[in-house]
N, C-alpha and C. Protein backbone atom coordinates (compact mmCIF):
# COMPACT_ATOMS: atom_id res chain seq x y z
N UNK A 1 109.37 148.29 99.11
CA UNK A 1 109.11 147.66 98.46
C UNK A 1 109.37 148.93 96.90
N UNK A 2 109.51 148.67 96.14
CA UNK A 2 110.17 150.29 94.91
C UNK A 2 109.45 150.20 93.94
N UNK A 3 108.66 151.33 93.18
CA UNK A 3 107.61 151.28 91.73
C UNK A 3 109.00 152.64 91.24
N UNK A 4 109.14 151.83 89.54
CA UNK A 4 109.52 152.37 88.95
C UNK A 4 109.17 152.36 87.98
N UNK A 5 108.37 153.74 87.15
CA UNK A 5 107.14 153.98 86.29
C UNK A 5 107.44 156.09 86.16
N UNK A 6 106.71 155.90 85.84
CA UNK A 6 106.68 157.69 84.66
C UNK A 6 105.31 158.04 86.06
N UNK A 7 105.89 159.78 86.63
CA UNK A 7 104.73 159.98 87.14
C UNK A 7 103.22 160.10 86.83
N UNK A 8 103.68 160.93 85.41
CA UNK A 8 102.33 160.90 84.20
C UNK A 8 101.67 159.46 83.78
N UNK A 9 102.77 158.35 84.45
CA UNK A 9 101.84 156.91 83.55
C UNK A 9 100.58 156.60 84.72
N UNK A 10 99.51 156.48 83.83
CA UNK A 10 97.95 156.45 84.14
C UNK A 10 98.04 155.34 84.92
N UNK A 11 98.75 154.05 84.08
CA UNK A 11 99.06 152.45 85.09
C UNK A 11 100.41 153.13 85.82
N UNK A 12 100.93 153.92 86.34
CA UNK A 12 101.85 153.64 86.95
C UNK A 12 101.33 154.20 88.33
N UNK A 13 100.38 155.32 88.12
CA UNK A 13 99.62 155.94 89.19
C UNK A 13 98.48 154.75 90.19
N UNK A 14 98.04 154.16 89.39
CA UNK A 14 97.09 152.69 89.64
C UNK A 14 98.10 152.02 90.71
N UNK A 15 98.94 151.62 90.50
CA UNK A 15 99.86 151.28 91.21
C UNK A 15 100.88 151.55 92.70
N UNK A 16 100.98 153.18 92.29
CA UNK A 16 101.00 153.83 93.60
C UNK A 16 99.86 154.06 94.71
N UNK A 17 98.89 154.21 94.00
CA UNK A 17 97.55 153.87 94.80
C UNK A 17 97.41 153.30 95.00
N UNK A 18 97.52 151.42 94.63
CA UNK A 18 96.95 150.35 95.05
C UNK A 18 98.13 149.84 96.06
N UNK A 19 99.40 150.87 96.58
CA UNK A 19 100.35 150.20 97.06
C UNK A 19 101.32 151.82 97.49
N UNK A 20 100.45 152.53 98.78
CA UNK A 20 101.19 154.28 98.62
C UNK A 20 102.03 153.98 99.69
N UNK A 21 102.12 152.96 100.26
CA UNK A 21 103.70 152.11 101.10
C UNK A 21 105.10 152.35 100.16
N UNK A 22 104.48 151.71 98.98
CA UNK A 22 106.06 152.10 98.25
C UNK A 22 106.54 153.18 97.69
N UNK A 23 107.86 153.10 97.62
CA UNK A 23 108.86 154.17 97.33
C UNK A 23 108.55 154.18 96.18
N UNK A 24 108.42 155.45 95.15
CA UNK A 24 107.63 155.37 94.36
C UNK A 24 109.56 156.49 93.24
N UNK A 25 110.38 155.99 91.97
CA UNK A 25 111.16 156.57 91.15
C UNK A 25 111.25 156.87 89.84
N UNK A 26 110.97 158.01 89.84
CA UNK A 26 110.67 158.66 88.74
C UNK A 26 111.95 158.37 87.50
N UNK A 27 111.42 157.10 86.46
CA UNK A 27 112.58 156.45 85.90
C UNK A 27 112.95 157.81 85.20
N UNK A 28 112.24 159.13 84.50
CA UNK A 28 112.57 159.99 83.68
C UNK A 28 113.23 161.22 84.65
N UNK A 29 113.59 161.39 86.57
CA UNK A 29 113.82 162.18 87.21
C UNK A 29 115.38 161.96 87.49
N UNK A 30 115.04 160.47 87.64
CA UNK A 30 116.24 159.90 89.17
C UNK A 30 117.28 158.08 87.82
N UNK A 31 116.11 158.06 87.02
CA UNK A 31 116.66 156.87 85.85
C UNK A 31 116.75 155.30 87.09
N UNK A 32 116.77 154.67 86.27
CA UNK A 32 116.66 153.03 86.81
C UNK A 32 118.51 152.74 87.33
N UNK A 33 118.67 152.35 88.33
CA UNK A 33 120.14 152.02 88.66
C UNK A 33 120.33 151.12 87.68
N UNK A 34 122.28 150.43 87.26
CA UNK A 34 122.25 149.28 86.57
C UNK A 34 122.07 148.56 87.19
N UNK A 35 122.17 148.53 88.20
CA UNK A 35 121.95 147.07 88.43
C UNK A 35 120.53 146.36 88.89
N UNK A 36 119.38 147.52 88.79
CA UNK A 36 118.50 147.16 88.67
C UNK A 36 117.89 146.52 87.26
N UNK A 37 118.12 147.69 85.92
CA UNK A 37 117.98 147.24 84.53
C UNK A 37 118.58 145.69 84.55
N UNK A 38 119.73 145.51 85.21
CA UNK A 38 120.34 144.46 84.62
C UNK A 38 119.74 142.70 84.64
N UNK A 39 119.13 142.76 86.44
CA UNK A 39 118.15 142.32 86.79
C UNK A 39 117.07 141.98 86.69
N UNK A 40 116.55 143.01 86.21
CA UNK A 40 115.05 143.27 85.04
C UNK A 40 115.16 142.71 84.04
N UNK A 41 116.27 142.65 83.21
CA UNK A 41 116.19 141.93 81.98
C UNK A 41 116.66 140.85 82.24
N UNK A 42 117.73 139.76 82.90
CA UNK A 42 117.27 138.92 83.39
C UNK A 42 116.08 137.89 83.57
N UNK A 43 115.27 138.70 84.21
CA UNK A 43 114.40 138.68 84.97
C UNK A 43 112.99 138.31 83.37
N UNK A 44 112.75 139.10 82.14
CA UNK A 44 111.96 140.00 81.43
C UNK A 44 112.50 139.97 80.15
N UNK A 45 113.54 140.06 79.73
CA UNK A 45 114.26 140.04 78.70
C UNK A 45 113.38 140.98 78.11
N UNK A 46 113.04 140.49 75.85
CA UNK A 46 112.76 141.69 75.20
C UNK A 46 111.36 142.29 75.96
N UNK A 47 110.87 141.75 77.17
CA UNK A 47 109.34 141.80 77.58
C UNK A 47 109.63 143.30 78.24
N UNK A 48 111.00 144.17 78.44
CA UNK A 48 110.87 145.08 79.13
C UNK A 48 110.97 146.00 78.36
N UNK A 49 111.13 146.03 76.84
CA UNK A 49 111.33 147.79 76.53
C UNK A 49 109.65 147.21 76.23
N UNK A 50 109.55 149.03 75.87
CA UNK A 50 108.40 149.00 75.29
C UNK A 50 108.37 149.12 73.55
N UNK A 51 108.77 148.61 73.17
CA UNK A 51 108.07 148.82 71.32
C UNK A 51 107.06 149.37 70.84
N UNK A 52 106.02 149.82 71.75
CA UNK A 52 104.69 150.16 71.01
C UNK A 52 104.78 151.75 71.66
N UNK A 53 105.71 152.70 72.36
CA UNK A 53 105.70 153.59 72.64
C UNK A 53 106.22 154.83 71.18
N UNK A 54 105.97 156.23 72.00
CA UNK A 54 106.70 157.02 71.05
C UNK A 54 107.73 157.15 70.85
N UNK A 55 108.37 156.72 71.56
CA UNK A 55 109.82 157.08 71.94
C UNK A 55 110.31 156.43 71.12
N UNK A 56 110.33 155.24 71.06
CA UNK A 56 110.85 154.34 70.39
C UNK A 56 110.08 154.24 68.91
N UNK A 57 109.35 154.77 68.32
CA UNK A 57 108.57 154.98 66.76
C UNK A 57 109.45 155.83 66.45
N UNK A 58 109.75 156.99 67.38
CA UNK A 58 110.50 157.88 67.21
C UNK A 58 112.00 157.70 66.75
N UNK A 59 112.46 156.26 67.41
CA UNK A 59 113.76 155.84 66.74
C UNK A 59 114.31 155.77 65.72
N UNK A 60 115.26 155.87 65.09
CA UNK A 60 115.97 155.11 64.10
C UNK A 60 116.19 153.85 63.69
N UNK A 61 116.43 153.84 62.42
CA UNK A 61 116.20 152.04 62.47
C UNK A 61 117.71 151.65 63.55
N UNK A 62 118.46 152.58 62.94
CA UNK A 62 119.22 152.42 63.58
C UNK A 62 119.99 152.43 65.12
N UNK A 63 119.20 153.14 65.84
CA UNK A 63 119.61 153.27 67.15
C UNK A 63 118.31 151.58 67.62
N UNK A 64 117.37 151.75 66.74
CA UNK A 64 116.53 150.31 67.33
C UNK A 64 117.23 149.25 67.27
N UNK A 65 118.49 149.39 66.13
CA UNK A 65 119.11 148.28 66.07
C UNK A 65 120.56 147.74 67.55
N UNK A 66 119.59 148.88 68.07
CA UNK A 66 121.14 148.78 69.79
C UNK A 66 120.56 148.39 70.85
N UNK A 67 122.13 147.85 71.81
CA UNK A 67 121.59 146.82 73.31
C UNK A 67 120.61 147.70 73.28
N UNK A 68 119.70 147.14 73.56
CA UNK A 68 118.38 147.15 74.36
C UNK A 68 118.66 147.24 76.00
N UNK A 69 119.11 147.73 76.46
CA UNK A 69 120.06 147.69 77.78
C UNK A 69 120.45 149.20 78.07
N UNK A 70 121.41 149.15 76.82
CA UNK A 70 122.22 150.91 76.82
C UNK A 70 120.72 151.86 75.87
N UNK A 71 119.28 150.91 75.24
CA UNK A 71 118.86 151.66 74.58
C UNK A 71 117.82 152.52 75.90
N UNK A 72 117.88 151.13 76.71
CA UNK A 72 117.00 152.45 78.18
C UNK A 72 117.54 152.78 79.05
N UNK A 73 118.84 152.55 78.77
CA UNK A 73 119.87 153.76 80.42
C UNK A 73 120.06 155.37 79.34
N UNK A 74 119.89 154.85 78.36
CA UNK A 74 119.41 156.51 77.39
C UNK A 74 118.14 157.07 76.60
N UNK A 75 117.02 156.39 76.84
CA UNK A 75 115.95 156.64 76.55
C UNK A 75 114.79 156.20 77.59
N UNK A 76 114.88 156.13 78.78
CA UNK A 76 114.53 155.91 79.89
C UNK A 76 113.03 155.31 79.98
N UNK A 77 112.27 156.23 78.75
CA UNK A 77 110.58 155.93 78.59
C UNK A 77 110.42 154.93 78.14
N UNK A 78 111.82 153.94 77.46
CA UNK A 78 111.63 153.12 76.56
C UNK A 78 111.05 151.39 77.49
N UNK A 79 111.85 151.92 78.68
CA UNK A 79 110.88 150.82 79.86
C UNK A 79 109.84 150.40 79.78
N UNK A 80 109.04 149.72 79.47
CA UNK A 80 107.78 148.78 80.13
C UNK A 80 107.66 149.60 81.42
N UNK A 81 106.38 149.58 82.20
CA UNK A 81 106.23 150.16 83.49
C UNK A 81 104.79 149.81 84.06
N UNK A 82 104.66 149.53 85.23
CA UNK A 82 105.80 150.07 86.16
C UNK A 82 106.12 148.42 85.96
N UNK A 83 108.02 149.50 86.64
CA UNK A 83 108.80 147.68 87.34
C UNK A 83 108.98 147.61 88.73
N UNK A 84 108.01 147.02 89.98
CA UNK A 84 108.31 146.71 90.18
C UNK A 84 109.08 146.02 91.28
N UNK A 85 109.96 146.15 92.55
CA UNK A 85 110.52 145.88 93.02
C UNK A 85 110.55 144.92 94.50
N UNK A 86 110.07 143.89 94.94
CA UNK A 86 109.40 143.28 96.00
C UNK A 86 110.14 142.28 96.85
N UNK A 87 110.92 142.64 97.98
CA UNK A 87 111.97 141.27 98.74
C UNK A 87 112.89 140.84 97.55
N UNK A 88 113.52 141.35 96.07
CA UNK A 88 114.55 140.80 95.41
C UNK A 88 113.43 140.05 94.51
N UNK A 89 112.13 140.11 93.86
CA UNK A 89 111.45 140.03 93.47
C UNK A 89 110.42 140.58 92.47
N UNK A 90 110.58 141.01 90.71
CA UNK A 90 110.22 141.92 90.59
C UNK A 90 109.26 141.28 89.46
N UNK A 91 108.80 142.77 89.27
CA UNK A 91 106.99 142.66 88.39
C UNK A 91 107.58 143.56 87.74
N UNK A 92 106.63 143.28 86.39
CA UNK A 92 106.72 144.04 85.36
C UNK A 92 105.13 144.44 84.80
N UNK A 93 104.57 145.29 84.17
CA UNK A 93 103.24 146.14 84.45
C UNK A 93 102.47 145.91 85.57
N UNK A 94 101.02 146.14 85.31
CA UNK A 94 100.36 146.40 85.87
C UNK A 94 99.28 145.17 85.73
N UNK A 95 98.81 144.23 85.95
CA UNK A 95 98.58 143.19 85.45
C UNK A 95 97.47 142.28 86.40
N UNK A 96 96.56 141.72 86.18
CA UNK A 96 95.58 141.42 87.40
C UNK A 96 96.59 140.10 87.74
N UNK A 97 97.67 139.87 86.90
CA UNK A 97 98.59 138.71 87.53
C UNK A 97 98.91 139.18 88.35
N UNK A 98 100.19 140.48 88.16
CA UNK A 98 101.35 141.05 89.05
C UNK A 98 100.26 141.69 90.04
N UNK A 99 98.94 141.79 90.14
CA UNK A 99 98.23 142.13 91.48
C UNK A 99 98.09 141.49 92.62
N UNK A 100 97.85 140.04 91.79
CA UNK A 100 97.30 139.46 92.67
C UNK A 100 98.94 138.54 93.08
N UNK A 101 100.02 138.40 93.04
CA UNK A 101 101.08 137.99 92.79
C UNK A 101 101.53 138.73 93.78
N UNK A 102 101.13 140.20 93.98
CA UNK A 102 101.21 140.71 95.65
C UNK A 102 100.37 141.28 96.35
N UNK A 103 99.63 139.87 96.09
CA UNK A 103 98.55 140.09 96.42
C UNK A 103 97.30 141.09 96.57
N UNK A 104 97.00 142.19 96.31
CA UNK A 104 96.01 142.82 95.47
C UNK A 104 94.62 142.65 94.88
N UNK A 105 94.86 142.02 94.35
CA UNK A 105 93.15 141.28 93.32
C UNK A 105 92.62 140.63 94.90
N UNK A 106 91.01 140.93 93.31
CA UNK A 106 89.36 140.27 94.68
C UNK A 106 89.52 139.04 93.94
């Protein structure tokens, strides 16, 4: 299992605490491999792009009009997080639904 996120993100910290056996990949330092981004985009589409982030708000309108996967590759903080991969299945965010799917919710 792998968690793609930010070490400084509270939501990612919660996921890491609940999934201590998971490998954590900090997207700011290690980036997300292109094939993982492609697969996540196929799974989640535009939901993968965090349009509520400070990074998004700092982009110009012309930058925002770019190809979403290129934007995430250039600005990893634009990816909604955490992105969790387990046995080829991807989960986005740390909602109750994700926790239940991972067998964690009470």
